[in-house]
Amino acid sequence: MALFCRGVPRLLAVAIVIAGFCTLSPQALSRGPNLCLWRSLFHLAACPACGSMRALAAFFHGQWGDALAYNRNVLITAPGLILLAAKDVFCLLLNALAQVGKQRKKTAGKRKRKSSNEP
């Protein structure tokens, strides 16, 4: 399984992010403080990423028109998050199936040896 930061499974980190965007409404994020470092440091009117959090929250609430109005990058970031989570779940399932297959081979090998040793 892919690890994120300091051994945290990436699937856990992505699931927490997606759950957060599903829980928080875009309106709740609009009322918060402006956390954009680019706007603060360079006194820009807006940076290319401004509105991304509200856009992702709107996307995961099914408000696709609002999501595009907040930031068009949501067309890449939201499906990217979903695909990343799906890839990690798929890899987790493949690993689990591989473990089951190994266990079956072990038990089949033990049964075969046991039956061949009996007269």
C-alpha atoms as a PDB file:
ATOM      1  CA  MET A   1       0.000   0.000   0.000  1.00  0.00           C
ATOM      2  CA  ALA A   2       1.262   3.443  -0.829  1.00  0.00           C
ATOM      3  CA  LEU A   3       2.343   5.481   2.152  1.00  0.00           C
ATOM      4  CA  PHE A   4       1.753   9.179   2.432  1.00  0.00           C
ATOM      5  CA  CYS A   5       3.673  10.998   5.144  1.00  0.00           C
ATOM      6  CA  ARG A   6       5.493   9.278   8.001  1.00  0.00           C
ATOM      7  CA  GLY A   7       3.958   5.916   7.281  1.00  0.00           C
ATOM      8  CA  VAL A   8       0.318   7.037   7.083  1.00  0.00           C
ATOM      9  CA  PRO A   9      -1.499   5.016   4.412  1.00  0.00           C
ATOM     10  CA  ARG A  10      -2.384   7.268   1.490  1.00  0.00           C
ATOM     11  CA  LEU A  11      -5.876   5.779   1.325  1.00  0.00           C
ATOM     12  CA  LEU A  12      -6.539   6.984   4.878  1.00  0.00           C
ATOM     13  CA  ALA A  13      -5.331  10.502   4.059  1.00  0.00           C
ATOM     14  CA  VAL A  14      -7.395  10.693   0.855  1.00  0.00           C
ATOM     15  CA  ALA A  15     -10.478   9.286   2.612  1.00  0.00           C
ATOM     16  CA  ILE A  16     -10.202  11.922   5.351  1.00  0.00           C
ATOM     17  CA  VAL A  17      -9.873  14.698   2.756  1.00  0.00           C
ATOM     18  CA  ILE A  18     -12.864  13.457   0.756  1.00  0.00           C
ATOM     19  CA  ALA A  19     -14.936  13.010   3.937  1.00  0.00           C
ATOM     20  CA  GLY A  20     -14.048  16.556   4.963  1.00  0.00           C
ATOM     21  CA  PHE A  21     -15.187  17.958   1.625  1.00  0.00           C
ATOM     22  CA  CYS A  22     -18.387  15.900   1.825  1.00  0.00           C
ATOM     23  CA  THR A  23     -19.047  17.194   5.334  1.00  0.00           C
ATOM     24  CA  LEU A  24     -18.211  20.887   4.970  1.00  0.00           C
ATOM     25  CA  SER A  25     -20.405  22.944   2.698  1.00  0.00           C
ATOM     26  CA  PRO A  26     -18.844  25.439   0.290  1.00  0.00           C
ATOM     27  CA  GLN A  27     -20.718  28.213   2.085  1.00  0.00           C
ATOM     28  CA  ALA A  28     -19.064  27.259   5.376  1.00  0.00           C
ATOM     29  CA  LEU A  29     -15.663  27.443   3.707  1.00  0.00           C
ATOM     30  CA  SER A  30     -16.536  30.857   2.207  1.00  0.00           C
ATOM     31  CA  ARG A  31     -17.120  32.302   5.666  1.00  0.00           C
ATOM     32  CA  GLY A  32     -13.659  31.280   6.877  1.00  0.00           C
ATOM     33  CA  PRO A  33     -10.492  33.363   6.766  1.00  0.00           C
ATOM     34  CA  ASN A  34      -8.485  33.819   3.580  1.00  0.00           C
ATOM     35  CA  LEU A  35      -5.619  31.322   3.827  1.00  0.00           C
ATOM     36  CA  CYS A  36      -4.074  31.838   0.385  1.00  0.00           C
ATOM     37  CA  LEU A  37      -0.318  32.289   0.813  1.00  0.00           C
ATOM     38  CA  TRP A  38       0.156  33.485  -2.765  1.00  0.00           C
ATOM     39  CA  ARG A  39      -2.326  36.316  -2.300  1.00  0.00           C
ATOM     40  CA  SER A  40      -0.756  37.267   1.020  1.00  0.00           C
ATOM     41  CA  LEU A  41       2.866  37.140  -0.125  1.00  0.00           C
ATOM     42  CA  PHE A  42       2.568  38.595  -3.615  1.00  0.00           C
ATOM     43  CA  HIS A  43      -0.565  40.767  -3.185  1.00  0.00           C
ATOM     44  CA  LEU A  44      -2.295  39.069  -6.095  1.00  0.00           C
ATOM     45  CA  ALA A  45      -5.973  39.574  -6.823  1.00  0.00           C
ATOM     46  CA  ALA A  46      -6.356  35.805  -7.153  1.00  0.00           C
ATOM     47  CA  CYS A  47      -4.026  32.898  -7.678  1.00  0.00           C
ATOM     48  CA  PRO A  48      -4.790  29.909  -9.932  1.00  0.00           C
ATOM     49  CA  ALA A  49      -5.687  27.778  -6.919  1.00  0.00           C
ATOM     50  CA  CYS A  50      -7.963  30.277  -5.168  1.00  0.00           C
ATOM     51  CA  GLY A  51     -11.391  28.756  -4.650  1.00  0.00           C
ATOM     52  CA  SER A  52     -10.168  25.173  -4.957  1.00  0.00           C
ATOM     53  CA  MET A  53     -11.356  24.137  -1.500  1.00  0.00           C
ATOM     54  CA  ARG A  54     -14.804  25.623  -2.072  1.00  0.00           C
ATOM     55  CA  ALA A  55     -14.864  24.047  -5.549  1.00  0.00           C
ATOM     56  CA  LEU A  56     -14.038  20.599  -4.162  1.00  0.00           C
ATOM     57  CA  ALA A  57     -16.643  20.965  -1.413  1.00  0.00           C
ATOM     58  CA  ALA A  58     -19.257  22.008  -3.994  1.00  0.00           C
ATOM     59  CA  PHE A  59     -18.250  19.105  -6.259  1.00  0.00           C
ATOM     60  CA  PHE A  60     -18.650  16.534  -3.495  1.00  0.00           C
ATOM     61  CA  HIS A  61     -22.018  18.063  -2.572  1.00  0.00           C
ATOM     62  CA  GLY A  62     -23.215  17.620  -6.157  1.00  0.00           C
ATOM     63  CA  GLN A  63     -23.196  21.354  -6.941  1.00  0.00           C
ATOM     64  CA  TRP A  64     -21.182  21.029 -10.156  1.00  0.00           C
ATOM     65  CA  GLY A  65     -22.088  24.446 -11.566  1.00  0.00           C
ATOM     66  CA  ASP A  66     -20.954  26.145  -8.373  1.00  0.00           C
ATOM     67  CA  ALA A  67     -17.811  24.018  -8.327  1.00  0.00           C
ATOM     68  CA  LEU A  68     -16.859  25.220 -11.797  1.00  0.00           C
ATOM     69  CA  ALA A  69     -17.658  28.812 -10.832  1.00  0.00           C
ATOM     70  CA  TYR A  70     -15.351  28.637  -7.798  1.00  0.00           C
ATOM     71  CA  ASN A  71     -12.395  27.158  -9.711  1.00  0.00           C
ATOM     72  CA  ARG A  72     -12.153  25.218 -12.960  1.00  0.00           C
ATOM     73  CA  ASN A  73      -9.236  23.174 -11.596  1.00  0.00           C
ATOM     74  CA  VAL A  74     -11.902  21.038  -9.935  1.00  0.00           C
ATOM     75  CA  LEU A  75     -12.269  19.250 -13.279  1.00  0.00           C
ATOM     76  CA  ILE A  76      -8.842  17.709 -12.613  1.00  0.00           C
ATOM     77  CA  THR A  77      -8.513  17.652  -8.823  1.00  0.00           C
ATOM     78  CA  ALA A  78     -11.841  16.034  -7.868  1.00  0.00           C
ATOM     79  CA  PRO A  79     -11.612  13.116 -10.317  1.00  0.00           C
ATOM     80  CA  GLY A  80      -7.939  12.832  -9.349  1.00  0.00           C
ATOM     81  CA  LEU A  81      -8.837  12.379  -5.687  1.00  0.00           C
ATOM     82  CA  ILE A  82     -11.507   9.841  -6.571  1.00  0.00           C
ATOM     83  CA  LEU A  83      -9.163   7.892  -8.864  1.00  0.00           C
ATOM     84  CA  LEU A  84      -6.398   7.940  -6.260  1.00  0.00           C
ATOM     85  CA  ALA A  85      -8.759   6.514  -3.635  1.00  0.00           C
ATOM     86  CA  ALA A  86     -10.109   3.929  -6.103  1.00  0.00           C
ATOM     87  CA  LYS A  87      -6.568   2.876  -7.071  1.00  0.00           C
ATOM     88  CA  ASP A  88      -5.592   2.407  -3.429  1.00  0.00           C
ATOM     89  CA  VAL A  89      -8.750   0.401  -2.686  1.00  0.00           C
ATOM     90  CA  PHE A  90      -8.093  -1.766  -5.751  1.00  0.00           C
ATOM     91  CA  CYS A  91      -4.482  -2.387  -4.665  1.00  0.00           C
ATOM     92  CA  LEU A  92      -5.673  -3.202  -1.142  1.00  0.00           C
ATOM     93  CA  LEU A  93      -8.156  -5.739  -2.522  1.00  0.00           C
ATOM     94  CA  LEU A  94      -5.515  -7.291  -4.780  1.00  0.00           C
ATOM     95  CA  ASN A  95      -3.156  -7.675  -1.823  1.00  0.00           C
ATOM     96  CA  ALA A  96      -5.925  -9.246   0.259  1.00  0.00           C
ATOM     97  CA  LEU A  97      -6.752 -11.694  -2.546  1.00  0.00           C
ATOM     98  CA  ALA A  98      -3.071 -12.555  -2.921  1.00  0.00           C
ATOM     99  CA  GLN A  99      -2.878 -13.325   0.806  1.00  0.00           C
ATOM    100  CA  VAL A 100      -5.941 -15.564   0.560  1.00  0.00           C
ATOM    101  CA  GLY A 101      -4.363 -17.361  -2.404  1.00  0.00           C
ATOM    102  CA  LYS A 102      -1.147 -17.952  -0.453  1.00  0.00           C
ATOM    103  CA  GLN A 103      -3.105 -19.343   2.491  1.00  0.00           C
ATOM    104  CA  ARG A 104      -5.021 -21.712   0.197  1.00  0.00           C
ATOM    105  CA  LYS A 105      -1.801 -22.958  -1.369  1.00  0.00           C
ATOM    106  CA  LYS A 106      -0.321 -23.595   2.075  1.00  0.00           C
ATOM    107  CA  THR A 107      -3.328 -25.541   3.289  1.00  0.00           C
ATOM    108  CA  ALA A 108      -3.576 -27.490   0.009  1.00  0.00           C
ATOM    109  CA  GLY A 109       0.114 -28.374   0.258  1.00  0.00           C
ATOM    110  CA  LYS A 110      -0.302 -29.556   3.849  1.00  0.00           C
ATOM    111  CA  ARG A 111      -3.308 -31.700   2.902  1.00  0.00           C
ATOM    112  CA  LYS A 112      -1.438 -33.210  -0.020  1.00  0.00           C
ATOM    113  CA  ARG A 113       1.601 -34.069   2.111  1.00  0.00           C
ATOM    114  CA  LYS A 114      -0.650 -35.475   4.820  1.00  0.00           C
ATOM    115  CA  SER A 115      -2.563 -37.676   2.393  1.00  0.00           C
ATOM    116  CA  SER A 116       0.609 -38.929   0.695  1.00  0.00           C
ATOM    117  CA  ASN A 117       2.161 -39.921   4.051  1.00  0.00           C
ATOM    118  CA  GLU A 118      -0.842 -42.081   5.000  1.00  0.00           C
ATOM    119  CA  PRO A 119      -0.688 -45.740   3.841  1.00  0.00           C
END
